[in-house]
N, C-alpha and C. Protein backbone atom coordinates (compact mmCIF):
# COMPACT_ATOMS: atom_id res chain seq x y z
N UNK A 1 -36.99 -56.24 44.45
CA UNK A 1 -36.17 -55.26 45.15
C UNK A 1 -36.34 -55.37 46.67
N UNK A 2 -37.58 -55.69 47.09
CA UNK A 2 -37.82 -55.79 48.54
C UNK A 2 -37.03 -56.95 49.15
N UNK A 3 -36.89 -58.04 48.38
CA UNK A 3 -36.15 -59.20 48.89
C UNK A 3 -34.69 -58.87 49.12
N UNK A 4 -34.14 -58.05 48.26
CA UNK A 4 -32.74 -57.65 48.41
C UNK A 4 -32.54 -56.85 49.69
N UNK A 5 -33.46 -55.97 49.99
CA UNK A 5 -33.38 -55.18 51.22
C UNK A 5 -33.51 -56.08 52.44
N UNK A 6 -34.42 -57.03 52.40
CA UNK A 6 -34.61 -57.96 53.52
C UNK A 6 -33.34 -58.79 53.74
N UNK A 7 -32.74 -59.26 52.67
CA UNK A 7 -31.51 -60.06 52.79
C UNK A 7 -30.37 -59.22 53.35
N UNK A 8 -30.25 -57.97 52.92
CA UNK A 8 -29.18 -57.10 53.43
C UNK A 8 -29.38 -56.79 54.91
N UNK A 9 -30.60 -56.52 55.32
CA UNK A 9 -30.89 -56.22 56.73
C UNK A 9 -30.64 -57.46 57.59
N UNK A 10 -31.08 -58.63 57.14
CA UNK A 10 -30.86 -59.87 57.90
C UNK A 10 -29.37 -60.16 57.99
N UNK A 11 -28.65 -59.98 56.89
CA UNK A 11 -27.20 -60.19 56.91
C UNK A 11 -26.51 -59.24 57.87
N UNK A 12 -26.98 -58.01 57.95
CA UNK A 12 -26.40 -57.04 58.89
C UNK A 12 -26.64 -57.47 60.34
N UNK A 13 -27.83 -58.00 60.62
CA UNK A 13 -28.11 -58.50 61.97
C UNK A 13 -27.16 -59.65 62.34
N UNK A 14 -27.00 -60.60 61.43
CA UNK A 14 -26.14 -61.75 61.73
C UNK A 14 -24.67 -61.35 61.80
N UNK A 15 -24.26 -60.42 60.99
CA UNK A 15 -22.88 -59.92 61.08
C UNK A 15 -22.68 -59.19 62.40
N UNK A 16 -23.69 -58.45 62.85
CA UNK A 16 -23.61 -57.77 64.14
C UNK A 16 -23.49 -58.76 65.29
N UNK A 17 -24.24 -59.85 65.22
CA UNK A 17 -24.14 -60.90 66.24
C UNK A 17 -22.74 -61.49 66.23
N UNK A 18 -22.22 -61.76 65.04
CA UNK A 18 -20.87 -62.33 64.91
C UNK A 18 -19.82 -61.42 65.54
N UNK A 19 -19.86 -60.14 65.20
CA UNK A 19 -18.86 -59.20 65.72
C UNK A 19 -19.03 -58.98 67.23
N UNK A 20 -20.26 -58.90 67.71
CA UNK A 20 -20.51 -58.70 69.14
C UNK A 20 -20.04 -59.91 69.94
N UNK A 21 -20.28 -61.11 69.44
CA UNK A 21 -19.81 -62.32 70.13
C UNK A 21 -18.29 -62.35 70.18
N UNK A 22 -17.64 -61.99 69.08
CA UNK A 22 -16.17 -61.95 69.10
C UNK A 22 -15.65 -60.93 70.09
N UNK A 23 -16.30 -59.79 70.19
CA UNK A 23 -15.84 -58.76 71.12
C UNK A 23 -16.03 -59.17 72.58
N UNK A 24 -16.96 -60.08 72.82
CA UNK A 24 -17.21 -60.59 74.18
C UNK A 24 -16.45 -61.89 74.44
N UNK A 25 -15.56 -62.29 73.52
CA UNK A 25 -14.77 -63.52 73.62
C UNK A 25 -15.65 -64.76 73.74
N UNK A 26 -16.70 -64.79 72.94
CA UNK A 26 -17.61 -65.93 72.90
C UNK A 26 -17.63 -66.51 71.50
N UNK A 27 -18.04 -67.76 71.37
CA UNK A 27 -18.08 -68.41 70.07
C UNK A 27 -19.26 -67.85 69.27
N UNK A 28 -19.00 -67.17 68.15
CA UNK A 28 -20.09 -66.55 67.41
C UNK A 28 -21.09 -67.53 66.81
N UNK A 29 -20.62 -68.72 66.44
CA UNK A 29 -21.54 -69.69 65.82
C UNK A 29 -22.54 -70.22 66.83
N UNK A 30 -22.16 -70.26 68.11
CA UNK A 30 -23.10 -70.68 69.14
C UNK A 30 -24.18 -69.63 69.39
N UNK A 31 -24.00 -68.43 68.89
CA UNK A 31 -25.00 -67.37 69.03
C UNK A 31 -25.79 -67.18 67.74
N UNK A 32 -25.16 -67.45 66.60
CA UNK A 32 -25.87 -67.28 65.33
C UNK A 32 -26.92 -68.38 65.15
N UNK A 33 -26.60 -69.60 65.56
CA UNK A 33 -27.57 -70.69 65.40
C UNK A 33 -28.87 -70.45 66.17
N UNK A 34 -28.83 -70.04 67.44
CA UNK A 34 -30.11 -69.73 68.11
C UNK A 34 -30.82 -68.53 67.47
N UNK A 35 -30.05 -67.59 66.90
CA UNK A 35 -30.67 -66.44 66.25
C UNK A 35 -31.47 -66.87 65.02
N UNK A 36 -31.02 -67.94 64.37
CA UNK A 36 -31.78 -68.46 63.23
C UNK A 36 -33.12 -69.04 63.68
N UNK A 37 -33.15 -69.60 64.91
CA UNK A 37 -34.37 -70.22 65.41
C UNK A 37 -35.29 -69.24 66.12
N UNK A 38 -34.72 -68.28 66.85
CA UNK A 38 -35.53 -67.37 67.66
C UNK A 38 -35.72 -66.05 66.92
N UNK A 39 -34.80 -65.13 67.19
CA UNK A 39 -34.83 -63.82 66.56
C UNK A 39 -33.47 -63.17 66.73
N UNK A 40 -32.91 -62.61 65.67
CA UNK A 40 -31.60 -61.98 65.80
C UNK A 40 -31.61 -60.80 66.78
N UNK A 41 -32.70 -60.06 66.81
CA UNK A 41 -32.78 -58.90 67.70
C UNK A 41 -32.74 -59.32 69.17
N UNK A 42 -33.44 -60.39 69.52
CA UNK A 42 -33.43 -60.89 70.90
C UNK A 42 -32.04 -61.38 71.28
N UNK A 43 -31.37 -62.08 70.38
CA UNK A 43 -30.03 -62.59 70.65
C UNK A 43 -29.04 -61.44 70.81
N UNK A 44 -29.18 -60.38 70.02
CA UNK A 44 -28.30 -59.22 70.16
C UNK A 44 -28.48 -58.59 71.53
N UNK A 45 -29.71 -58.47 72.00
CA UNK A 45 -29.98 -57.88 73.32
C UNK A 45 -29.39 -58.75 74.42
N UNK A 46 -29.59 -60.07 74.33
CA UNK A 46 -29.04 -60.98 75.34
C UNK A 46 -27.52 -60.92 75.34
N UNK A 47 -26.92 -60.95 74.17
CA UNK A 47 -25.46 -60.93 74.06
C UNK A 47 -24.88 -59.60 74.55
N UNK A 48 -25.59 -58.51 74.30
CA UNK A 48 -25.12 -57.20 74.76
C UNK A 48 -25.15 -57.11 76.29
N UNK A 49 -26.06 -57.82 76.92
CA UNK A 49 -26.16 -57.80 78.38
C UNK A 49 -25.14 -58.73 79.04
N UNK A 50 -24.59 -59.67 78.31
CA UNK A 50 -23.60 -60.61 78.86
C UNK A 50 -22.27 -59.90 79.08
N UNK A 51 -21.58 -60.34 80.10
CA UNK A 51 -20.25 -59.79 80.34
C UNK A 51 -19.23 -60.49 79.46
N UNK A 52 -18.09 -59.88 79.31
CA UNK A 52 -17.03 -60.47 78.49
C UNK A 52 -16.37 -61.61 79.23
N UNK A 53 -16.00 -62.64 78.50
CA UNK A 53 -15.26 -63.75 79.07
C UNK A 53 -13.77 -63.43 79.01
N UNK A 54 -12.98 -64.01 79.92
CA UNK A 54 -11.54 -63.79 79.83
C UNK A 54 -10.99 -64.40 78.55
N UNK A 55 -9.93 -63.81 78.03
CA UNK A 55 -9.33 -64.31 76.79
C UNK A 55 -8.73 -65.68 77.03
N UNK A 56 -8.82 -66.53 76.01
CA UNK A 56 -8.27 -67.88 76.11
C UNK A 56 -6.77 -67.82 75.95
N UNK A 57 -6.09 -68.66 76.71
CA UNK A 57 -4.65 -68.77 76.57
C UNK A 57 -4.34 -69.62 75.35
N UNK A 58 -3.23 -69.34 74.72
CA UNK A 58 -2.88 -70.12 73.54
C UNK A 58 -2.55 -71.54 73.95
N UNK A 59 -2.83 -72.47 73.08
CA UNK A 59 -2.64 -73.89 73.40
C UNK A 59 -1.21 -74.35 73.12
N UNK A 60 -0.45 -73.55 72.41
CA UNK A 60 0.93 -73.95 72.13
C UNK A 60 1.79 -73.63 73.34
N UNK A 61 2.63 -74.58 73.67
CA UNK A 61 3.52 -74.39 74.82
C UNK A 61 4.92 -74.08 74.31
N UNK A 62 5.56 -73.23 75.03
CA UNK A 62 6.95 -72.93 74.69
C UNK A 62 7.85 -73.95 75.36
N UNK A 63 8.84 -74.37 74.63
CA UNK A 63 9.77 -75.32 75.20
C UNK A 63 10.73 -74.57 76.12
N UNK A 64 10.93 -75.15 77.27
CA UNK A 64 11.85 -74.52 78.23
C UNK A 64 13.28 -74.89 77.85
N UNK A 65 14.12 -73.91 77.96
CA UNK A 65 15.54 -74.17 77.71
C UNK A 65 16.11 -74.91 78.91
N UNK A 66 16.64 -76.09 78.66
CA UNK A 66 17.21 -76.89 79.73
C UNK A 66 18.70 -76.66 79.77
N UNK A 67 19.20 -76.46 80.97
CA UNK A 67 20.64 -76.30 81.15
C UNK A 67 21.26 -77.64 81.41
N UNK A 68 22.32 -77.88 80.73
CA UNK A 68 23.06 -79.13 80.98
C UNK A 68 24.18 -78.81 81.95
N UNK A 69 24.27 -79.61 82.96
CA UNK A 69 25.27 -79.29 83.96
C UNK A 69 26.13 -80.35 84.31
């Protein structure tokens, strides 16, 4: 039973990192991987102190309507 609680708490930490990184417009996997090596709590604190990045522009371009004259 204790293992189940540990897994749920760890999963909650990693899900929190994922959601916090998305809200800051950062790649969540680049934050989850260091959390696996260091500590999820430290990564959450660092990520919470970071400012948000500007939103990325979409990579699809709209075709301009060309006038024939």
